[in-house]
Structures are given as C-alpha cells and as structure tokens.
Amino acid sequence: MATYLIIGNGIAGFSAALRLRKLRKNAEIYIFTKEKYPIYDKRDLPFFISGKVDEDYILLTDLDFYEENNINIIFGTVTFIDTDNYEIRLSDGEYYGYDKLIIASGSKPISKINQKIFQLPTYYLKTMDDAKSIKSALKTANNVVIIGGNQSSFTLAAELVDINKNVSLIIRKGNMTWNLFDDFSKIVISKLFSYLGVNFYPDVEISNVDRKKKSIKLSSGKQIPADIVIIDENFTPNIDFLRKSKIKVGEGIIVDHYFMTNVEDVYAIGDVAEVYDVIYGKNMPHQGWEIAKEQGELVAYNIVEPACEYMGTVTAIGFTIGKYNILAAGLTTGTDDKYEIFTYKNLGKMIYKKFIFDGEYLVGGIMITKEQSVDENKLSLIRVISRKMIMEPWKDDILRDDLSFYEIYTYFEKNIED
C-alpha cells in the first residue's frame, strides 16, 4: 500500500489529496500544515476582515471531512526532507516515510521596502491568522494604508471603504501584477478607486515614515495618515526548509511538465513551484488559486500514471471594484507589430477590453466590464492562452459584451472529448 505525503494544506495540496483518494482508495495520505485550520479560501480573507463573512464561511470543510476521506492531517512544520531514505522530518523530531512526496508549501511574504515602515503597526495579509490580527487592529484604527499589488490588496481596499475606513492603497513602482495593466486600464482602475473613495497612489515609492505623526511620505511628496499598514505586494516561494536537501531550487522548486523535481518520486505544485510560463518561455513561480487547484489535480494523475503533461501557464490577476470585474492575463503591454490587437474603450462607462493575438492564438487580454464574472473567466482565459487554443473563429466577436471565455473553453473541452 503506497504512502503519499503532501506538504501544505492550501488549495494545491488539498486538491492533490482529494484526487489521490479518488484514484487510490487504499493509499495512506498525509497532509502536513503549519496552520491550525482545515482548508480555507484565502480569496475571501478581505471579506472576513471587513466583517462581510465569518470564519465558518471561509472554511471550505471541517476536520471531520479529512477523517471521513481517510486523509491524515498533521499540524506541524516540516524542517527537512531526506530524499535518500524517503523521509521527512518535523520540528518536533518526528519522521514520516513516503513512497511519493508532493511539496505544496506555498509562499511567504517578502517586501523590499523602506524598513522605516515597520515603525508603524504593520501587518502582512497571507493567512487566516494575519486576517484575524488585521481585523482586531481595525477596531481602533481609522487611517489604513495598504501597500499592495496582489489580488487581495485591491479587494481589501474596496472592502475597508465600505466599513468607513480612510483607505490609502499604494502600488510601488515595478510591481509585476500591476504592470499587467496597460496605461489606459490603469487610468480606468484609478478612476474606479477614486469614485469608490479609495486614495489610490500607483507607481510610487515610500520615502519616509513619521512614527509620531503616524504618517507615510511618498516619493511624490504626498503625506499619508497611517494608523496601521497592511502589506500585500510580493511573496516568495516557501523553500527555506529545502536548502539542505537534494531538491533543486531557484526562486522556487524547479519542476518538469509533469511537476516532477530533479529527485525521483518528489513533486512540487502551487506557489512554491517554478512552472513553465508560455509568454516568457521559461520556468518561474506563479500565484493564483485557480492555477494551484488545477496543478493539484493534475499531479495526482501523474503520480498514478504520468500522462497529464502540463503545458504551462501565464501570470494573471482578477478582482472586482464595486460592480466592475477586472481581469488581466498573459501578454498585455509592450507589444510589437507582429501582434494583432483588438480594443474597445469607453472611459465614460469605465469599460475596456483589449485582446492580443499572435496569428490564430490569443496571447493576452485585459477586461474591465460589468458583464463578465472574474471567477468564471480567469482560469478559462489562462487556459485558452497557455494551451494555445485556436481562436481564429472568435476573432470577429472577441469584443462582444456577452462573449465568455468560460463558454469558449467549455466548447474546446467538449469538442476535444468528442
């Protein structure tokens, strides 16, 4: 009977465990997590902080579910992997052996920021405990500064305005996800935040902090009041515990198209893995709930029988501001003459669509609309781009209001199966 160990209880690790259980009814499956919770939806943390939802809403299941599915959840920190002896070691000294190992340890906050910022009450936004700490701090804080760029930072800014906080959202220069948006879409997003009541400061730097006055000075000279600071801008793969192992790492864990590392029977998925990016043409880390969930399911199939080659993915971001759904993925800026670009702009209605084609293939897109759901379209758009699906039949209709990438991808899937 095979033993599968999974390091990490995020959506990548949890999805892998569920799929393995369906494929191997009698296998031993263990999930190891540093957190004290069952799987929860990190995308909903901003809504928990604002009080719109409670903890039970965020939790996707309870501990009984693991037991009912014969999945052992171990609350502890993995400190070392002995790939020669097929064992992992925990901080309490316990050892666990494996036949196959999946590393889905996720990412951790990293911020190359003016260190003076930490003179103010400062919080990261990554985990449930982070969210609880922020929620508690907001009881006495009115002026909230978010140093963001990740998906949740945009959502949180909108949520905190709803509970009457004075919110300033700072996006520092060079933020990778913010730079998925071109100049026109940045103008639209800035206007949407302004109408919502968020003080929005994109493409700036922090030059100084005044602890006594509780304020932050920007490179533009603007002084911003700050009772608390929330950082949600950059994360790095959580690989510190692998430094002394034989597993090859760069920025993250380097894997092939089947999620296998350089060490036999060891796999990596989710934020911690460097997977192929079809736009940049190289392996690199990618964040995203939808991407991690898909990788979790695919790695389970590959562990049982290596048949699901992962074609790669693209950097993407999706969020809502009020009634507007905002999405960007793939190649969206700095394109040359070899590309065919379709755009629709309406600054008055705050609507923008941009799609970039390389021949018959879609390579990138930006959508700011009221019609299209971010949740439905984000993964579908990523798949259409990364799997190089022929989009020629849809070119003439690509700017149509009711065109759904979810429906397009579903069409592709159905016809492939047929």
Protein backbone atom coordinates (compact mmCIF):
# COMPACT_ATOMS: atom_id res chain seq x y z
CA MET A 1 0.00 0.00 0.00
CA ALA A 2 1.52 3.30 -1.14
CA THR A 3 2.09 6.24 1.21
CA TYR A 4 1.66 9.76 -0.19
CA LEU A 5 2.88 12.74 1.83
CA ILE A 6 1.76 16.27 0.97
CA ILE A 7 3.49 19.29 2.49
CA GLY A 8 0.94 22.09 2.55
CA ASN A 9 -2.81 22.32 3.10
CA GLY A 10 -3.57 25.13 0.68
CA ILE A 11 -5.73 24.56 -2.36
CA ALA A 12 -2.87 22.88 -4.28
CA GLY A 13 -2.10 20.30 -1.62
CA PHE A 14 -5.73 19.75 -0.68
CA SER A 15 -6.77 19.22 -4.32
CA ALA A 16 -3.95 16.72 -4.78
CA ALA A 17 -5.08 14.79 -1.70
CA LEU A 18 -8.70 14.61 -2.84
CA ARG A 19 -7.77 13.44 -6.32
CA LEU A 20 -5.31 10.84 -4.99
CA ARG A 21 -8.00 9.48 -2.70
CA LYS A 22 -10.34 9.01 -5.66
CA LEU A 23 -7.62 7.33 -7.70
CA ARG A 24 -6.18 5.20 -4.89
CA LYS A 25 -8.84 4.11 -2.43
CA ASN A 26 -6.48 2.26 -0.09
CA ALA A 27 -3.42 4.52 -0.12
CA GLU A 28 -2.10 6.23 3.00
CA ILE A 29 -2.38 10.00 2.52
CA TYR A 30 -0.90 12.58 4.89
CA ILE A 31 -1.14 16.38 4.71
CA PHE A 32 1.27 18.47 6.79
CA THR A 33 0.42 22.06 7.63
CA LYS A 34 1.90 24.81 9.80
CA GLU A 35 -1.53 26.38 10.21
CA LYS A 36 -4.14 25.23 12.71
CA TYR A 37 -7.10 25.24 10.33
CA PRO A 38 -8.62 22.90 7.77
CA ILE A 39 -8.57 24.17 4.17
CA TYR A 40 -9.97 27.69 3.77
CA ASP A 41 -10.46 30.07 0.86
CA LYS A 42 -7.77 32.73 1.07
CA ARG A 43 -9.52 34.77 -1.60
CA ASP A 44 -12.22 35.55 0.97
CA LEU A 45 -9.90 36.95 3.66
CA PRO A 46 -10.67 40.59 2.70
CA PHE A 47 -14.38 39.91 3.21
CA PHE A 48 -13.66 38.31 6.60
CA ILE A 49 -11.62 41.35 7.64
CA SER A 50 -14.44 43.73 6.71
CA GLY A 51 -16.99 41.59 8.55
CA LYS A 52 -18.96 40.69 5.44
CA VAL A 53 -18.40 36.95 6.09
CA ASP A 54 -17.45 34.97 9.18
CA GLU A 55 -14.81 32.28 9.70
CA ASP A 56 -17.22 29.43 9.01
CA TYR A 57 -17.90 30.88 5.57
CA ILE A 58 -14.19 30.90 4.68
CA LEU A 59 -13.56 27.35 5.87
CA LEU A 60 -14.19 25.03 2.93
CA THR A 61 -14.61 21.99 5.13
CA ASP A 62 -14.05 20.80 8.70
CA LEU A 63 -11.61 18.35 10.25
CA ASP A 64 -14.21 15.58 10.13
CA PHE A 65 -14.01 15.70 6.33
CA TYR A 66 -10.35 14.64 6.41
CA GLU A 67 -11.19 11.73 8.68
CA GLU A 68 -14.18 10.68 6.58
CA ASN A 69 -11.95 10.59 3.50
CA ASN A 70 -9.15 8.81 5.31
CA ILE A 71 -6.77 11.75 4.88
CA ASN A 72 -4.46 12.27 7.85
CA ILE A 73 -3.85 15.94 8.63
CA ILE A 74 -0.76 16.63 10.73
CA PHE A 75 -0.35 20.06 12.32
CA GLY A 76 3.38 20.66 12.32
CA THR A 77 6.33 22.21 10.50
CA VAL A 78 8.45 20.20 8.08
CA THR A 79 12.11 21.10 8.60
CA PHE A 80 14.00 18.60 6.42
CA ILE A 81 13.49 16.17 3.55
CA ASP A 82 15.78 13.13 3.37
CA THR A 83 15.29 12.04 -0.23
CA ASP A 84 17.86 9.23 0.07
CA ASN A 85 15.78 7.49 2.73
CA TYR A 86 12.38 8.72 1.54
CA GLU A 87 11.60 10.51 4.82
CA ILE A 88 10.58 13.94 6.04
CA ARG A 89 11.36 15.36 9.47
CA LEU A 90 9.18 17.69 11.54
CA SER A 91 10.28 20.36 14.02
CA ASP A 92 9.23 18.12 16.90
CA GLY A 93 11.65 15.42 15.72
CA GLU A 94 9.03 13.09 14.24
CA TYR A 95 9.83 11.27 10.98
CA TYR A 96 7.40 10.15 8.29
CA GLY A 97 8.26 7.87 5.39
CA TYR A 98 6.85 8.18 1.89
CA ASP A 99 6.60 6.46 -1.46
CA LYS A 100 5.68 9.71 -3.22
CA LEU A 101 6.08 13.23 -1.89
CA ILE A 102 4.24 16.37 -3.04
CA ILE A 103 5.60 19.74 -1.93
CA ALA A 104 2.85 22.36 -1.90
CA SER A 105 4.27 24.61 0.80
CA GLY A 106 3.07 27.80 -0.87
CA SER A 107 4.71 31.18 -0.49
CA LYS A 108 5.55 33.68 2.22
CA PRO A 109 5.56 37.48 2.29
CA ILE A 110 8.64 39.33 1.13
CA SER A 111 8.93 43.07 0.80
CA LYS A 112 11.99 45.03 -0.27
CA ILE A 113 10.59 48.14 1.28
CA ASN A 114 11.79 51.11 3.31
CA GLN A 115 12.35 49.46 6.69
CA LYS A 116 11.10 52.56 8.49
CA ILE A 117 7.61 51.37 7.60
CA PHE A 118 7.86 48.88 10.45
CA GLN A 119 7.96 51.75 12.95
CA LEU A 120 4.19 51.81 12.43
CA PRO A 121 1.85 48.91 13.33
CA THR A 122 2.39 46.70 10.26
CA TYR A 123 0.67 43.52 9.17
CA TYR A 124 1.06 41.11 6.28
CA LEU A 125 -2.01 39.66 4.57
CA LYS A 126 -1.44 36.00 3.75
CA THR A 127 -3.09 33.69 6.28
CA MET A 128 -6.18 33.38 8.43
CA ASP A 129 -4.18 34.45 11.49
CA ASP A 130 -2.96 37.51 9.57
CA ALA A 131 -6.56 38.39 8.77
CA LYS A 132 -7.59 37.99 12.41
CA SER A 133 -4.79 40.30 13.54
CA ILE A 134 -5.79 42.94 10.98
CA LYS A 135 -9.46 42.63 11.93
CA SER A 136 -8.57 43.22 15.58
CA ALA A 137 -6.34 46.22 14.78
CA LEU A 138 -9.14 47.84 12.77
CA LYS A 139 -11.22 48.21 15.94
CA THR A 140 -9.12 51.23 16.88
CA ALA A 141 -7.57 52.24 13.54
CA ASN A 142 -9.23 54.61 11.09
CA ASN A 143 -6.43 55.52 8.65
CA VAL A 144 -5.39 52.36 6.84
CA VAL A 145 -2.51 52.19 4.37
CA ILE A 146 -2.33 49.15 2.10
CA ILE A 147 0.93 48.56 0.26
CA GLY A 148 -0.39 46.26 -2.40
CA GLY A 149 -0.41 44.88 -5.89
CA ASN A 150 -1.66 41.39 -5.22
CA GLN A 151 -5.25 40.49 -5.98
CA SER A 152 -6.38 40.58 -2.34
CA SER A 153 -4.99 44.09 -1.78
CA PHE A 154 -7.36 45.56 -4.37
CA THR A 155 -10.31 43.71 -2.88
CA LEU A 156 -9.39 44.71 0.67
CA ALA A 157 -9.16 48.39 -0.21
CA ALA A 158 -12.71 48.34 -1.56
CA GLU A 159 -13.97 46.37 1.45
CA LEU A 160 -12.46 48.71 4.05
CA VAL A 161 -14.02 51.78 2.43
CA ASP A 162 -17.36 50.02 2.89
CA ILE A 163 -16.81 50.00 6.66
CA ASN A 164 -15.92 53.70 6.67
CA LYS A 165 -12.15 53.47 6.94
CA ASN A 166 -9.91 56.09 5.36
CA VAL A 167 -8.04 53.84 2.94
CA SER A 168 -4.87 54.63 1.01
CA LEU A 169 -3.74 52.00 -1.49
CA ILE A 170 -0.09 52.27 -2.58
CA ILE A 171 1.29 50.31 -5.54
CA ARG A 172 5.05 50.62 -5.65
CA LYS A 173 6.96 51.04 -8.91
CA GLY A 174 7.72 47.84 -10.78
CA ASN A 175 5.00 45.70 -9.21
CA MET A 176 4.65 42.76 -11.60
CA THR A 177 0.91 42.18 -11.36
CA TRP A 178 0.05 45.90 -11.54
CA ASN A 179 2.17 46.12 -14.66
CA LEU A 180 -0.06 43.56 -16.35
CA PHE A 181 -2.33 46.54 -16.94
CA ASP A 182 -1.56 48.97 -19.76
CA ASP A 183 -1.80 52.75 -19.48
CA PHE A 184 -5.49 53.04 -20.36
CA SER A 185 -6.60 50.27 -17.99
CA LYS A 186 -4.56 51.87 -15.20
CA ILE A 187 -6.45 55.12 -15.79
CA VAL A 188 -9.79 53.30 -15.57
CA ILE A 189 -8.82 51.43 -12.39
CA SER A 190 -7.56 54.64 -10.80
CA LYS A 191 -10.86 56.39 -11.58
CA LEU A 192 -12.88 53.46 -10.22
CA PHE A 193 -10.99 53.56 -6.93
CA SER A 194 -11.39 57.33 -6.77
CA TYR A 195 -15.18 57.08 -7.24
CA LEU A 196 -15.28 54.39 -4.57
CA GLY A 197 -13.47 56.64 -2.10
CA VAL A 198 -10.07 54.91 -2.02
CA ASN A 199 -7.00 57.16 -2.02
CA PHE A 200 -5.05 55.45 -4.79
CA TYR A 201 -1.31 56.01 -5.31
CA PRO A 202 0.10 53.81 -8.09
CA ASP A 203 3.72 53.67 -9.30
CA VAL A 204 5.24 55.49 -6.32
CA GLU A 205 7.83 54.77 -3.63
CA ILE A 206 7.86 55.35 0.11
CA SER A 207 10.48 57.93 1.05
CA ASN A 208 9.95 58.36 4.78
CA VAL A 209 7.85 57.45 7.81
CA ASP A 210 6.93 59.69 10.75
CA ARG A 211 6.13 57.47 13.71
CA LYS A 212 4.99 60.30 15.98
CA LYS A 213 2.61 61.78 13.42
CA LYS A 214 1.62 58.30 12.18
CA SER A 215 2.17 59.17 8.56
CA ILE A 216 3.95 57.96 5.42
CA LYS A 217 5.66 60.26 2.94
CA LEU A 218 5.65 59.22 -0.72
CA SER A 219 8.29 59.96 -3.34
CA SER A 220 5.81 62.46 -4.81
CA GLY A 221 5.94 64.43 -1.55
CA LYS A 222 2.41 63.41 -0.54
CA GLN A 223 1.95 62.79 3.18
CA ILE A 224 -0.50 59.98 4.03
CA PRO A 225 -2.00 59.33 7.50
CA ALA A 226 -1.38 55.76 8.69
CA ASP A 227 -2.72 54.26 11.90
CA ILE A 228 -1.84 50.82 10.55
CA VAL A 229 -0.07 49.46 7.47
CA ILE A 230 -1.05 46.28 5.61
CA ILE A 231 1.48 44.77 3.20
CA ASP A 232 0.20 42.59 0.36
CA GLU A 233 2.55 43.16 -2.54
CA ASN A 234 5.13 40.41 -3.04
CA PHE A 235 5.55 36.81 -1.99
CA THR A 236 8.36 34.34 -2.46
CA PRO A 237 8.17 30.52 -2.65
CA ASN A 238 8.47 28.87 0.76
CA ILE A 239 11.62 26.81 0.21
CA ASP A 240 13.82 27.58 3.24
CA PHE A 241 13.41 24.03 4.59
CA LEU A 242 14.77 22.62 1.32
CA ARG A 243 18.15 24.37 1.38
CA LYS A 244 19.99 21.30 2.71
CA SER A 245 18.09 18.78 0.60
CA LYS A 246 18.97 17.43 -2.84
CA ILE A 247 15.91 19.04 -4.40
CA LYS A 248 16.93 21.64 -6.97
CA VAL A 249 15.63 25.13 -6.31
CA GLY A 250 15.95 28.52 -7.95
CA GLU A 251 13.45 31.16 -6.94
CA GLY A 252 11.12 28.21 -6.33
CA ILE A 253 11.29 24.45 -6.84
CA ILE A 254 12.19 23.60 -10.41
CA VAL A 255 9.84 21.05 -11.99
CA ASP A 256 9.22 19.49 -15.39
CA HIS A 257 5.96 19.37 -17.34
CA TYR A 258 4.72 16.61 -15.01
CA PHE A 259 5.55 18.54 -11.81
CA MET A 260 8.42 16.19 -11.02
CA THR A 261 11.53 17.67 -9.40
CA ASN A 262 15.09 16.57 -10.12
CA VAL A 263 14.67 13.93 -7.40
CA GLU A 264 12.70 10.79 -8.21
CA ASP A 265 9.27 10.49 -6.57
CA VAL A 266 9.27 14.11 -5.38
CA TYR A 267 6.83 16.60 -6.96
CA ALA A 268 6.06 20.29 -6.44
CA ILE A 269 2.94 22.34 -7.22
CA GLY A 270 1.32 25.69 -6.50
CA ASP A 271 3.08 28.89 -5.44
CA VAL A 272 6.25 27.03 -4.44
CA ALA A 273 6.90 25.54 -7.89
CA GLU A 274 8.60 27.07 -10.90
CA VAL A 275 6.39 26.03 -13.81
CA TYR A 276 6.66 26.94 -17.47
CA ASP A 277 5.36 30.37 -18.47
CA VAL A 278 4.22 30.32 -22.11
CA ILE A 279 4.76 34.08 -22.54
CA TYR A 280 8.23 34.37 -21.03
CA GLY A 281 9.32 30.96 -22.31
CA LYS A 282 10.88 29.84 -19.05
CA ASN A 283 10.05 28.29 -15.69
CA MET A 284 9.04 30.76 -12.97
CA PRO A 285 6.74 30.89 -9.91
CA HIS A 286 3.08 31.77 -10.42
CA GLN A 287 0.49 32.68 -7.84
CA GLY A 288 -3.22 32.07 -8.09
CA TRP A 289 -5.88 29.93 -6.51
CA GLU A 290 -7.20 28.63 -9.81
CA ILE A 291 -3.75 27.69 -11.11
CA ALA A 292 -2.81 25.91 -7.87
CA LYS A 293 -6.06 23.92 -7.77
CA GLU A 294 -5.58 22.69 -11.33
CA GLN A 295 -1.98 21.68 -10.62
CA GLY A 296 -3.06 19.75 -7.52
CA GLU A 297 -5.47 17.65 -9.52
CA LEU A 298 -3.03 17.06 -12.39
CA VAL A 299 -0.12 15.99 -10.19
CA ALA A 300 -2.29 13.30 -8.63
CA TYR A 301 -2.94 11.80 -12.05
CA ASN A 302 0.77 11.97 -12.89
CA ILE A 303 1.76 10.22 -9.69
CA VAL A 304 -0.54 7.34 -10.54
CA GLU A 305 0.36 7.31 -14.25
CA PRO A 306 2.41 10.12 -15.85
CA ALA A 307 0.01 11.05 -18.64
CA CYS A 308 -1.04 14.66 -17.96
CA GLU A 309 1.60 16.94 -19.43
CA TYR A 310 1.21 20.47 -18.09
CA MET A 311 1.59 22.89 -20.97
CA GLY A 312 2.33 25.81 -18.68
CA THR A 313 0.53 28.92 -17.52
CA VAL A 314 0.65 32.72 -17.55
CA THR A 315 0.70 35.48 -14.97
CA ALA A 316 -2.83 36.70 -14.28
CA ILE A 317 -4.81 38.84 -11.86
CA GLY A 318 -8.54 39.26 -11.31
CA PHE A 319 -10.60 41.28 -8.83
CA THR A 320 -13.69 43.47 -8.52
CA ILE A 321 -14.11 47.16 -7.75
CA GLY A 322 -17.73 47.86 -6.94
CA LYS A 323 -19.76 46.45 -9.82
CA TYR A 324 -16.78 46.21 -12.16
CA ASN A 325 -14.94 42.98 -12.90
CA ILE A 326 -11.26 43.41 -13.74
CA LEU A 327 -9.02 40.78 -15.30
CA ALA A 328 -5.61 40.72 -16.99
CA ALA A 329 -3.60 37.74 -18.18
CA GLY A 330 -0.65 36.90 -20.39
CA LEU A 331 1.00 39.41 -22.73
CA THR A 332 -0.79 42.73 -22.29
CA THR A 333 1.75 45.52 -22.78
CA GLY A 334 4.78 46.46 -24.88
CA THR A 335 3.71 44.52 -27.96
CA ASP A 336 5.28 44.99 -31.41
CA ASP A 337 3.93 44.96 -34.96
CA LYS A 338 3.78 41.19 -35.27
CA TYR A 339 0.73 41.11 -33.00
CA GLU A 340 -2.88 41.86 -33.89
CA ILE A 341 -4.62 43.91 -31.20
CA PHE A 342 -8.37 44.30 -30.68
CA THR A 343 -9.54 47.04 -28.29
CA TYR A 344 -12.72 48.68 -27.09
CA LYS A 345 -12.51 51.82 -24.91
CA ASN A 346 -15.27 53.73 -23.18
CA LEU A 347 -13.87 55.91 -20.40
CA GLY A 348 -17.29 57.40 -19.70
CA LYS A 349 -18.75 53.98 -18.89
CA MET A 350 -15.44 52.71 -17.45
CA ILE A 351 -15.37 49.80 -19.89
CA TYR A 352 -12.20 48.49 -21.52
CA LYS A 353 -11.31 45.38 -23.46
CA LYS A 354 -8.03 44.51 -25.09
CA PHE A 355 -7.06 41.21 -26.69
CA ILE A 356 -3.75 40.43 -28.33
CA PHE A 357 -3.32 37.76 -30.99
CA ASP A 358 -0.23 36.13 -32.41
CA GLY A 359 -1.69 34.67 -35.59
CA GLU A 360 -4.57 32.40 -34.62
CA TYR A 361 -3.57 32.25 -30.97
CA LEU A 362 -4.66 34.56 -28.16
CA VAL A 363 -1.60 35.57 -26.11
CA GLY A 364 -3.05 38.10 -23.69
CA GLY A 365 -6.05 40.10 -22.62
CA ILE A 366 -7.40 42.82 -20.34
CA MET A 367 -11.07 43.05 -19.39
CA ILE A 368 -12.80 45.76 -17.34
CA THR A 369 -16.51 45.08 -17.62
CA LYS A 370 -19.74 44.76 -15.70
CA GLU A 371 -20.93 41.68 -17.58
CA GLN A 372 -18.17 39.11 -17.21
CA SER A 373 -17.54 37.27 -13.93
CA VAL A 374 -13.90 37.23 -12.80
CA ASP A 375 -14.33 33.80 -11.18
CA GLU A 376 -15.74 32.24 -14.35
CA ASN A 377 -13.36 33.84 -16.82
CA LYS A 378 -9.95 33.95 -15.12
CA LEU A 379 -8.95 30.27 -15.30
CA SER A 380 -10.62 29.87 -18.70
CA LEU A 381 -8.66 32.80 -20.14
CA ILE A 382 -5.43 31.38 -18.69
CA ARG A 383 -6.18 28.01 -20.26
CA VAL A 384 -7.07 29.43 -23.67
CA ILE A 385 -3.74 31.30 -23.74
CA SER A 386 -1.45 28.67 -22.21
CA ARG A 387 -2.84 25.73 -24.17
CA LYS A 388 -2.62 27.64 -27.44
CA MET A 389 -6.20 27.01 -28.45
CA ILE A 390 -7.06 28.19 -31.95
CA MET A 391 -9.11 31.36 -31.51
CA GLU A 392 -9.49 32.35 -35.17
CA PRO A 393 -13.27 31.60 -35.20
CA TRP A 394 -13.81 34.07 -32.35
CA LYS A 395 -11.70 36.98 -33.59
CA ASP A 396 -14.59 38.91 -35.11
CA ASP A 397 -16.63 38.54 -31.91
CA ILE A 398 -13.84 38.96 -29.37
CA LEU A 399 -15.12 42.37 -28.18
CA ARG A 400 -18.74 41.29 -27.90
CA ASP A 401 -20.29 42.07 -24.49
CA ASP A 402 -21.65 38.58 -23.92
CA LEU A 403 -18.56 36.68 -25.06
CA SER A 404 -17.48 34.41 -22.21
CA PHE A 405 -14.09 32.71 -22.02
CA TYR A 406 -15.67 30.16 -19.74
CA GLU A 407 -18.04 29.21 -22.56
CA ILE A 408 -15.21 29.23 -25.12
CA TYR A 409 -13.06 26.90 -23.05
CA THR A 410 -16.03 24.64 -22.31
CA TYR A 411 -16.63 24.44 -26.06
CA PHE A 412 -13.00 23.46 -26.65
CA GLU A 413 -13.13 20.79 -23.94
CA LYS A 414 -16.34 19.28 -25.29
CA ASN A 415 -15.03 19.13 -28.84
CA ILE A 416 -11.73 17.62 -27.74
CA GLU A 417 -13.61 14.91 -25.83
CA ASP A 418 -15.92 14.31 -28.80
